[in-house]
Amino acid sequence: MRIKVRPEAREELLQFLRQADCEAEAEGDSTVVVTVPAALGEEQARMEVDLYLKAWQASHPDEEVDIEAHLLDLPRSRVADEDSTTD
């Protein structure tokens, strides 16, 4: 997934994510591309990156980040399908 950050903060964010066992690379001046190799899927990876970013922002309150990646469409659960047919 891609994370937008101010160019001045990019290196610090890269270092932080790498210390959290993420694979993080710079892309351009203000983008970080990050993957979570230990995640069991895209949803888990997104949740972990969200938590890492919240922790990073706690120590960098003036910095804003924007995650550009979107989760893949996940199949609806069977329970949700069954509940919708009982109307």
N, C-alpha and C. Protein backbone atom coordinates (compact mmCIF):
# COMPACT_ATOMS: atom_id res chain seq x y z
N MET A 1 0.84 -1.17 0.00
CA MET A 1 0.00 0.00 0.00
C MET A 1 0.88 1.23 0.00
N ARG A 2 0.34 2.32 -0.47
CA ARG A 2 1.10 3.56 -0.57
C ARG A 2 0.64 4.55 0.49
N ILE A 3 1.60 5.23 1.07
CA ILE A 3 1.32 6.22 2.10
C ILE A 3 1.92 7.54 1.66
N LYS A 4 1.11 8.57 1.66
CA LYS A 4 1.59 9.92 1.35
C LYS A 4 2.00 10.60 2.64
N VAL A 5 3.16 11.24 2.60
CA VAL A 5 3.69 11.94 3.76
C VAL A 5 4.53 13.12 3.25
N ARG A 6 4.69 14.12 4.08
CA ARG A 6 5.54 15.24 3.67
C ARG A 6 6.95 14.74 3.39
N PRO A 7 7.59 15.26 2.35
CA PRO A 7 8.94 14.81 2.00
C PRO A 7 9.92 14.89 3.17
N GLU A 8 9.77 15.91 4.01
CA GLU A 8 10.68 16.08 5.14
C GLU A 8 10.53 14.98 6.19
N ALA A 9 9.39 14.31 6.22
CA ALA A 9 9.14 13.28 7.23
C ALA A 9 9.29 11.87 6.67
N ARG A 10 9.49 11.77 5.37
CA ARG A 10 9.50 10.45 4.71
C ARG A 10 10.54 9.50 5.29
N GLU A 11 11.77 9.96 5.47
CA GLU A 11 12.84 9.07 5.94
C GLU A 11 12.55 8.55 7.35
N GLU A 12 12.03 9.41 8.22
CA GLU A 12 11.68 8.97 9.57
C GLU A 12 10.59 7.91 9.55
N LEU A 13 9.59 8.10 8.69
CA LEU A 13 8.51 7.12 8.58
C LEU A 13 9.04 5.80 8.03
N LEU A 14 9.90 5.87 7.03
CA LEU A 14 10.50 4.65 6.48
C LEU A 14 11.23 3.87 7.57
N GLN A 15 12.03 4.56 8.33
CA GLN A 15 12.79 3.92 9.40
C GLN A 15 11.86 3.29 10.44
N PHE A 16 10.82 4.01 10.82
CA PHE A 16 9.86 3.50 11.81
C PHE A 16 9.18 2.23 11.31
N LEU A 17 8.72 2.25 10.07
CA LEU A 17 8.03 1.08 9.52
C LEU A 17 8.96 -0.12 9.40
N ARG A 18 10.18 0.13 9.02
CA ARG A 18 11.16 -0.97 8.92
C ARG A 18 11.45 -1.58 10.29
N GLN A 19 11.49 -0.76 11.32
CA GLN A 19 11.70 -1.28 12.68
C GLN A 19 10.50 -2.11 13.14
N ALA A 20 9.34 -1.88 12.53
CA ALA A 20 8.13 -2.63 12.86
C ALA A 20 8.01 -3.88 11.98
N ASP A 21 9.10 -4.27 11.35
CA ASP A 21 9.17 -5.46 10.48
C ASP A 21 8.31 -5.35 9.22
N CYS A 22 8.12 -4.13 8.76
CA CYS A 22 7.46 -3.91 7.47
C CYS A 22 8.54 -3.75 6.41
N GLU A 23 8.17 -4.03 5.18
CA GLU A 23 9.03 -3.70 4.06
C GLU A 23 8.56 -2.35 3.57
N ALA A 24 9.44 -1.36 3.61
CA ALA A 24 9.06 0.00 3.25
C ALA A 24 10.12 0.60 2.33
N GLU A 25 9.66 1.18 1.24
CA GLU A 25 10.54 1.80 0.26
C GLU A 25 10.00 3.16 -0.12
N ALA A 26 10.89 4.07 -0.44
CA ALA A 26 10.51 5.39 -0.92
C ALA A 26 10.09 5.30 -2.37
N GLU A 27 9.08 6.07 -2.71
CA GLU A 27 8.64 6.20 -4.09
C GLU A 27 8.37 7.68 -4.33
N GLY A 28 9.25 8.31 -5.05
CA GLY A 28 9.13 9.75 -5.24
C GLY A 28 9.49 10.49 -3.97
N ASP A 29 9.12 11.76 -3.91
CA ASP A 29 9.48 12.59 -2.77
C ASP A 29 8.59 12.38 -1.55
N SER A 30 7.32 12.02 -1.77
CA SER A 30 6.39 12.03 -0.65
C SER A 30 5.56 10.75 -0.52
N THR A 31 6.03 9.67 -1.08
CA THR A 31 5.28 8.42 -1.01
C THR A 31 6.15 7.31 -0.43
N VAL A 32 5.54 6.53 0.45
CA VAL A 32 6.18 5.34 1.01
C VAL A 32 5.34 4.15 0.58
N VAL A 33 5.98 3.14 0.02
CA VAL A 33 5.29 1.91 -0.35
C VAL A 33 5.62 0.89 0.73
N VAL A 34 4.59 0.35 1.37
CA VAL A 34 4.80 -0.54 2.51
C VAL A 34 4.03 -1.84 2.34
N THR A 35 4.66 -2.93 2.74
CA THR A 35 4.01 -4.23 2.81
C THR A 35 4.33 -4.82 4.18
N VAL A 36 3.44 -5.71 4.62
CA VAL A 36 3.62 -6.39 5.90
C VAL A 36 3.75 -7.87 5.60
N PRO A 37 4.98 -8.37 5.47
CA PRO A 37 5.19 -9.75 5.05
C PRO A 37 4.52 -10.79 5.95
N ALA A 38 4.41 -10.51 7.24
CA ALA A 38 3.83 -11.49 8.17
C ALA A 38 2.31 -11.48 8.19
N ALA A 39 1.69 -10.52 7.51
CA ALA A 39 0.22 -10.43 7.52
C ALA A 39 -0.40 -11.60 6.76
N LEU A 40 -1.53 -12.05 7.25
CA LEU A 40 -2.23 -13.18 6.63
C LEU A 40 -3.09 -12.77 5.45
N GLY A 41 -3.20 -11.49 5.19
CA GLY A 41 -3.98 -11.01 4.06
C GLY A 41 -3.97 -9.50 4.03
N GLU A 42 -4.61 -8.95 3.02
CA GLU A 42 -4.60 -7.50 2.85
C GLU A 42 -5.31 -6.78 3.98
N GLU A 43 -6.40 -7.35 4.47
CA GLU A 43 -7.14 -6.70 5.56
C GLU A 43 -6.27 -6.60 6.82
N GLN A 44 -5.59 -7.68 7.17
CA GLN A 44 -4.72 -7.66 8.34
C GLN A 44 -3.57 -6.68 8.13
N ALA A 45 -3.00 -6.66 6.94
CA ALA A 45 -1.91 -5.74 6.65
C ALA A 45 -2.37 -4.30 6.82
N ARG A 46 -3.55 -4.00 6.34
CA ARG A 46 -4.08 -2.63 6.45
C ARG A 46 -4.28 -2.25 7.92
N MET A 47 -4.81 -3.18 8.72
CA MET A 47 -5.03 -2.89 10.14
C MET A 47 -3.70 -2.65 10.85
N GLU A 48 -2.69 -3.47 10.53
CA GLU A 48 -1.39 -3.30 11.16
C GLU A 48 -0.75 -1.96 10.77
N VAL A 49 -0.81 -1.63 9.49
CA VAL A 49 -0.24 -0.36 9.05
C VAL A 49 -0.98 0.81 9.69
N ASP A 50 -2.30 0.71 9.80
CA ASP A 50 -3.07 1.75 10.49
C ASP A 50 -2.57 1.95 11.91
N LEU A 51 -2.35 0.85 12.63
CA LEU A 51 -1.84 0.94 14.01
C LEU A 51 -0.44 1.54 14.06
N TYR A 52 0.42 1.11 13.16
CA TYR A 52 1.78 1.66 13.12
C TYR A 52 1.74 3.16 12.85
N LEU A 53 0.87 3.57 11.93
CA LEU A 53 0.79 5.00 11.61
C LEU A 53 0.26 5.81 12.78
N LYS A 54 -0.70 5.26 13.52
CA LYS A 54 -1.21 5.96 14.71
C LYS A 54 -0.09 6.11 15.74
N ALA A 55 0.70 5.07 15.93
CA ALA A 55 1.82 5.16 16.87
C ALA A 55 2.84 6.19 16.39
N TRP A 56 3.14 6.18 15.10
CA TRP A 56 4.10 7.14 14.57
C TRP A 56 3.58 8.57 14.72
N GLN A 57 2.30 8.76 14.43
CA GLN A 57 1.73 10.09 14.53
C GLN A 57 1.66 10.58 15.98
N ALA A 58 1.57 9.67 16.93
CA ALA A 58 1.56 10.07 18.33
C ALA A 58 2.86 10.78 18.70
N SER A 59 3.96 10.36 18.10
CA SER A 59 5.23 11.03 18.36
C SER A 59 5.56 12.10 17.32
N HIS A 60 4.70 12.24 16.32
CA HIS A 60 4.84 13.27 15.28
C HIS A 60 3.47 13.94 15.07
N PRO A 61 2.95 14.63 16.08
CA PRO A 61 1.57 15.14 16.00
C PRO A 61 1.32 16.15 14.89
N ASP A 62 2.36 16.78 14.38
CA ASP A 62 2.16 17.76 13.31
C ASP A 62 2.17 17.14 11.92
N GLU A 63 2.45 15.85 11.84
CA GLU A 63 2.52 15.18 10.54
C GLU A 63 1.19 14.53 10.18
N GLU A 64 0.85 14.62 8.92
CA GLU A 64 -0.34 13.95 8.40
C GLU A 64 0.11 12.91 7.39
N VAL A 65 -0.58 11.78 7.40
CA VAL A 65 -0.31 10.73 6.43
C VAL A 65 -1.62 10.35 5.78
N ASP A 66 -1.53 9.84 4.58
CA ASP A 66 -2.71 9.44 3.83
C ASP A 66 -2.42 8.11 3.16
N ILE A 67 -3.20 7.08 3.52
CA ILE A 67 -3.03 5.77 2.89
C ILE A 67 -3.81 5.78 1.59
N GLU A 68 -3.12 5.48 0.48
CA GLU A 68 -3.75 5.51 -0.83
C GLU A 68 -4.36 4.17 -1.23
N ALA A 69 -3.87 3.06 -0.66
CA ALA A 69 -4.35 1.75 -1.08
C ALA A 69 -5.76 1.50 -0.56
N HIS A 70 -6.50 0.69 -1.28
CA HIS A 70 -7.85 0.31 -0.88
C HIS A 70 -7.88 -1.20 -0.71
N LEU A 71 -8.68 -1.63 0.25
CA LEU A 71 -8.83 -3.06 0.44
C LEU A 71 -9.52 -3.68 -0.76
N LEU A 72 -9.17 -4.90 -1.04
CA LEU A 72 -9.89 -5.62 -2.07
C LEU A 72 -11.31 -5.85 -1.59
N ASP A 73 -12.23 -5.97 -2.49
CA ASP A 73 -13.59 -6.29 -2.10
C ASP A 73 -13.59 -7.66 -1.44
N LEU A 74 -14.06 -7.71 -0.22
CA LEU A 74 -14.11 -8.97 0.49
C LEU A 74 -15.49 -9.58 0.32
N PRO A 75 -15.59 -10.90 0.20
CA PRO A 75 -16.90 -11.50 0.05
C PRO A 75 -17.75 -11.26 1.28
N ARG A 76 -19.03 -11.07 1.05
CA ARG A 76 -19.95 -10.90 2.16
C ARG A 76 -20.10 -12.22 2.89
N SER A 77 -20.32 -12.13 4.18
CA SER A 77 -20.45 -13.36 4.95
C SER A 77 -21.79 -14.03 4.66
N ARG A 78 -21.83 -15.30 4.87
CA ARG A 78 -23.06 -16.06 4.66
C ARG A 78 -24.15 -15.61 5.60
N VAL A 79 -23.79 -15.28 6.83
CA VAL A 79 -24.77 -14.81 7.81
C VAL A 79 -25.43 -13.55 7.32
N ALA A 80 -24.66 -12.63 6.78
CA ALA A 80 -25.24 -11.38 6.27
C ALA A 80 -26.20 -11.67 5.12
N ASP A 81 -25.84 -12.63 4.25
CA ASP A 81 -26.72 -12.98 3.15
C ASP A 81 -28.02 -13.60 3.66
N GLU A 82 -27.91 -14.47 4.67
CA GLU A 82 -29.10 -15.13 5.20
C GLU A 82 -29.99 -14.13 5.91
N ASP A 83 -29.40 -13.17 6.65
CA ASP A 83 -30.20 -12.18 7.35
C ASP A 83 -30.99 -11.32 6.38
N SER A 84 -30.43 -11.03 5.23
CA SER A 84 -31.12 -10.16 4.27
C SER A 84 -32.28 -10.86 3.59
N THR A 85 -32.32 -12.18 3.64
CA THR A 85 -33.41 -12.92 2.98
C THR A 85 -34.56 -13.23 3.93
N THR A 86 -34.44 -12.87 5.21
CA THR A 86 -35.50 -13.18 6.17
C THR A 86 -36.49 -12.07 6.32
N ASP A 87 -36.40 -11.02 5.50
CA ASP A 87 -37.34 -9.89 5.60
C ASP A 87 -38.71 -10.27 5.14
